[in-house]
Every structure is written in structure tokens, then in C-alpha cells.
N, C-alpha and C. Protein backbone atom coordinates (compact mmCIF):
# COMPACT_ATOMS: atom_id res chain seq x y z
N MET A 1 66.05 83.28 165.20
CA MET A 1 67.14 83.12 166.00
C MET A 1 67.39 81.54 166.18
N LYS A 2 68.38 81.24 166.38
CA LYS A 2 68.94 79.88 166.66
C LYS A 2 68.95 79.57 168.05
N THR A 3 68.82 78.27 168.32
CA THR A 3 68.59 77.74 169.78
C THR A 3 69.71 76.77 170.10
N LEU A 4 70.79 76.89 170.91
CA LEU A 4 71.81 76.12 171.28
C LEU A 4 71.45 75.10 172.52
N ASN A 5 70.82 73.96 172.11
CA ASN A 5 70.57 73.29 173.58
C ASN A 5 71.63 72.58 173.84
N LEU A 6 72.24 72.53 175.11
CA LEU A 6 73.09 71.83 175.49
C LEU A 6 72.66 70.73 176.51
N HIS A 7 72.68 69.51 175.80
CA HIS A 7 72.43 68.38 176.57
C HIS A 7 73.47 67.01 176.48
N GLY A 8 73.63 66.62 177.59
CA GLY A 8 74.58 65.53 177.55
C GLY A 8 75.76 65.97 178.55
N THR A 9 76.76 64.82 178.34
CA THR A 9 78.08 65.10 178.95
C THR A 9 79.00 66.02 178.31
N VAL A 10 79.67 66.95 179.20
CA VAL A 10 80.88 67.86 178.46
C VAL A 10 81.82 67.09 178.15
N ILE A 11 82.59 67.04 177.04
CA ILE A 11 83.67 65.85 176.80
C ILE A 11 84.55 66.76 175.85
N ASP A 12 85.65 66.23 175.57
CA ASP A 12 86.82 66.70 174.61
C ASP A 12 86.12 66.45 173.27
N ALA A 13 86.49 67.58 172.54
CA ALA A 13 85.89 67.41 171.20
C ALA A 13 86.76 66.15 170.34
N ASP A 14 87.75 65.74 170.93
CA ASP A 14 88.48 64.45 170.24
C ASP A 14 87.49 63.15 170.48
N ASP A 15 86.83 63.20 171.57
CA ASP A 15 86.14 61.90 171.72
C ASP A 15 84.77 62.05 171.42
N ALA A 16 84.18 63.16 170.49
CA ALA A 16 82.96 63.09 170.33
C ALA A 16 82.51 62.11 169.17
N TRP A 17 83.38 61.57 168.31
CA TRP A 17 82.97 60.49 167.43
C TRP A 17 82.47 59.23 168.00
N PHE A 18 83.03 59.03 169.20
CA PHE A 18 82.54 57.71 169.92
C PHE A 18 81.23 58.26 170.63
N TYR A 19 80.78 58.96 171.08
CA TYR A 19 79.56 59.55 171.64
C TYR A 19 78.65 59.52 170.34
N ASP A 20 79.01 60.00 169.45
CA ASP A 20 78.33 60.29 168.07
C ASP A 20 77.89 59.00 167.76
N LEU A 21 78.87 58.13 167.62
CA LEU A 21 78.79 56.79 167.07
C LEU A 21 77.46 55.95 167.96
N LEU A 22 77.65 56.15 169.20
CA LEU A 22 76.72 55.30 169.99
C LEU A 22 75.50 56.17 170.49
N GLU A 23 75.42 57.40 169.80
CA GLU A 23 74.26 58.30 169.81
C GLU A 23 74.01 58.67 171.19
N ILE A 24 75.00 59.13 172.06
CA ILE A 24 75.11 59.54 173.37
C ILE A 24 75.00 61.19 173.05
N GLU A 25 74.15 61.73 173.80
CA GLU A 25 74.41 63.32 173.72
C GLU A 25 75.48 63.83 174.27
N ASN A 26 76.13 64.69 173.81
CA ASN A 26 77.13 65.23 174.57
C ASN A 26 77.45 66.69 174.04
N ILE A 27 78.36 67.37 174.89
CA ILE A 27 78.70 68.97 174.58
C ILE A 27 80.18 68.84 174.38
N ASN A 28 80.59 69.59 173.25
CA ASN A 28 81.96 69.67 173.06
C ASN A 28 82.24 70.98 172.48
N ALA A 29 83.66 71.57 172.41
CA ALA A 29 83.93 72.71 171.90
C ALA A 29 83.75 73.15 170.41
N LYS A 30 84.16 71.81 169.84
CA LYS A 30 84.05 71.83 168.42
C LYS A 30 82.47 72.05 168.13
N ALA A 31 81.65 71.46 168.47
CA ALA A 31 80.36 71.18 167.97
C ALA A 31 79.62 72.65 168.31
N VAL A 32 80.11 73.28 169.67
CA VAL A 32 79.53 74.67 169.83
C VAL A 32 80.06 75.60 169.04
N SER A 33 81.28 75.47 168.49
CA SER A 33 82.11 76.35 167.71
C SER A 33 81.34 76.37 166.20
N GLU A 34 81.07 75.09 165.86
CA GLU A 34 80.51 74.85 164.46
C GLU A 34 79.00 75.52 164.53
N PHE A 35 78.10 75.51 165.74
CA PHE A 35 77.13 76.05 165.70
C PHE A 35 77.15 77.50 165.75
N LEU A 36 78.02 78.15 166.31
CA LEU A 36 78.16 79.62 166.33
C LEU A 36 78.52 79.94 164.82
N ASP A 37 79.39 79.17 164.24
CA ASP A 37 79.70 79.70 162.87
C ASP A 37 78.65 79.63 162.10
N GLN A 38 77.74 78.51 162.04
CA GLN A 38 76.59 78.42 161.18
C GLN A 38 75.44 79.52 161.54
N ALA A 39 75.58 79.75 162.80
CA ALA A 39 74.61 81.19 163.18
C ALA A 39 74.91 82.46 162.27
N ASN A 40 76.40 82.53 161.91
CA ASN A 40 76.71 83.69 161.10
C ASN A 40 76.36 85.08 161.60
N GLY A 41 76.41 85.43 163.04
CA GLY A 41 76.14 86.47 163.48
C GLY A 41 74.50 86.58 164.17
N GLU A 42 73.80 85.85 163.58
CA GLU A 42 72.36 85.65 163.96
C GLU A 42 72.34 85.35 165.44
N ASP A 43 71.29 86.28 166.12
CA ASP A 43 70.88 86.01 167.75
C ASP A 43 70.79 84.36 167.77
N ILE A 44 71.25 84.27 168.91
CA ILE A 44 71.08 82.77 169.67
C ILE A 44 70.49 83.02 170.86
N MET A 45 69.80 81.71 171.28
CA MET A 45 69.15 81.61 172.44
C MET A 45 69.73 80.37 173.27
N LEU A 46 70.19 80.70 174.39
CA LEU A 46 70.91 79.40 175.07
C LEU A 46 70.08 79.21 176.54
N PRO A 47 69.11 78.34 176.52
CA PRO A 47 68.07 77.76 177.40
C PRO A 47 68.86 77.50 178.59
N LEU A 48 69.32 78.16 179.54
CA LEU A 48 70.32 77.74 180.63
C LEU A 48 69.07 77.44 181.87
N ILE A 49 68.07 77.90 181.75
CA ILE A 49 67.06 77.82 182.90
C ILE A 49 66.80 76.34 183.10
N LEU A 50 66.62 75.58 182.25
CA LEU A 50 66.32 74.12 182.29
C LEU A 50 67.28 73.59 182.92
N VAL A 51 68.70 73.93 182.85
CA VAL A 51 69.62 73.13 183.41
C VAL A 51 69.73 73.48 184.95
N VAL A 52 69.30 74.59 185.20
CA VAL A 52 69.27 75.22 186.75
C VAL A 52 68.22 74.39 187.25
N VAL A 53 67.20 74.19 186.70
CA VAL A 53 65.97 73.79 187.02
C VAL A 53 66.20 72.15 187.40
N GLN A 54 66.93 71.34 186.56
CA GLN A 54 67.30 70.14 186.75
C GLN A 54 68.18 69.80 187.72
N TYR A 55 69.27 70.89 187.82
CA TYR A 55 70.41 70.61 188.90
C TYR A 55 69.75 70.98 190.38
N MET A 56 68.80 71.82 190.67
CA MET A 56 68.20 72.05 191.91
C MET A 56 67.33 70.69 192.10
N GLN A 57 66.69 70.11 191.32
CA GLN A 57 65.84 68.88 191.57
C GLN A 57 66.69 67.76 191.96
N GLU A 58 67.97 67.60 191.40
CA GLU A 58 68.89 66.58 191.73
C GLU A 58 69.47 66.90 193.10
N VAL A 59 69.70 68.16 193.46
CA VAL A 59 70.21 68.55 194.59
C VAL A 59 69.11 68.26 195.64
N GLN A 60 67.93 68.54 195.58
CA GLN A 60 66.84 68.47 196.53
C GLN A 60 66.56 66.95 196.59
N SER A 61 66.84 65.97 195.65
CA SER A 61 66.67 64.46 195.89
C SER A 61 67.78 63.85 196.63
N ILE A 62 68.77 64.49 196.74
CA ILE A 62 69.98 64.05 197.39
C ILE A 62 69.97 64.37 198.86
N GLN A 63 69.35 65.56 199.08
CA GLN A 63 69.34 65.93 200.24
C GLN A 63 68.08 65.37 201.15
N CYS A 64 67.33 64.71 200.40
CA CYS A 64 66.02 64.10 201.17
C CYS A 64 66.52 62.88 202.06
């Protein structure tokens, strides 16, 4: 099973080269598509719970 970790800013695929050059984590449609192509039908895991927990922590810190 392959894991697709979604870390970083969601950007346009045309801008990914710049983020990659500066080693800034990013999410773009082309990278996700390439990951799915490489999975070749294999099951994938998408760890969304971490995103939700991080978001809730940010919301709580803003409300305080």
C-alpha cells in the first residue's frame, strides 16, 4: 500500500518547479496524478486525520 502524504501549500502545477527548486513542500495536481499513475491500481492511504488535527489546533489557538 502506498501512502500519499499531502504536505505544503496547494499550488498550480506550473509553479511547482519553483517550489521544488527552493525545497518548499507543495501539493499540485500533476504530482498527485503522477503518484496515482505510479501506484498502478495498488491501494493507497491518504492520512487526512493529521490535517484535521493540525487545523483544529490552529483554530483553537486563534480563538484563545
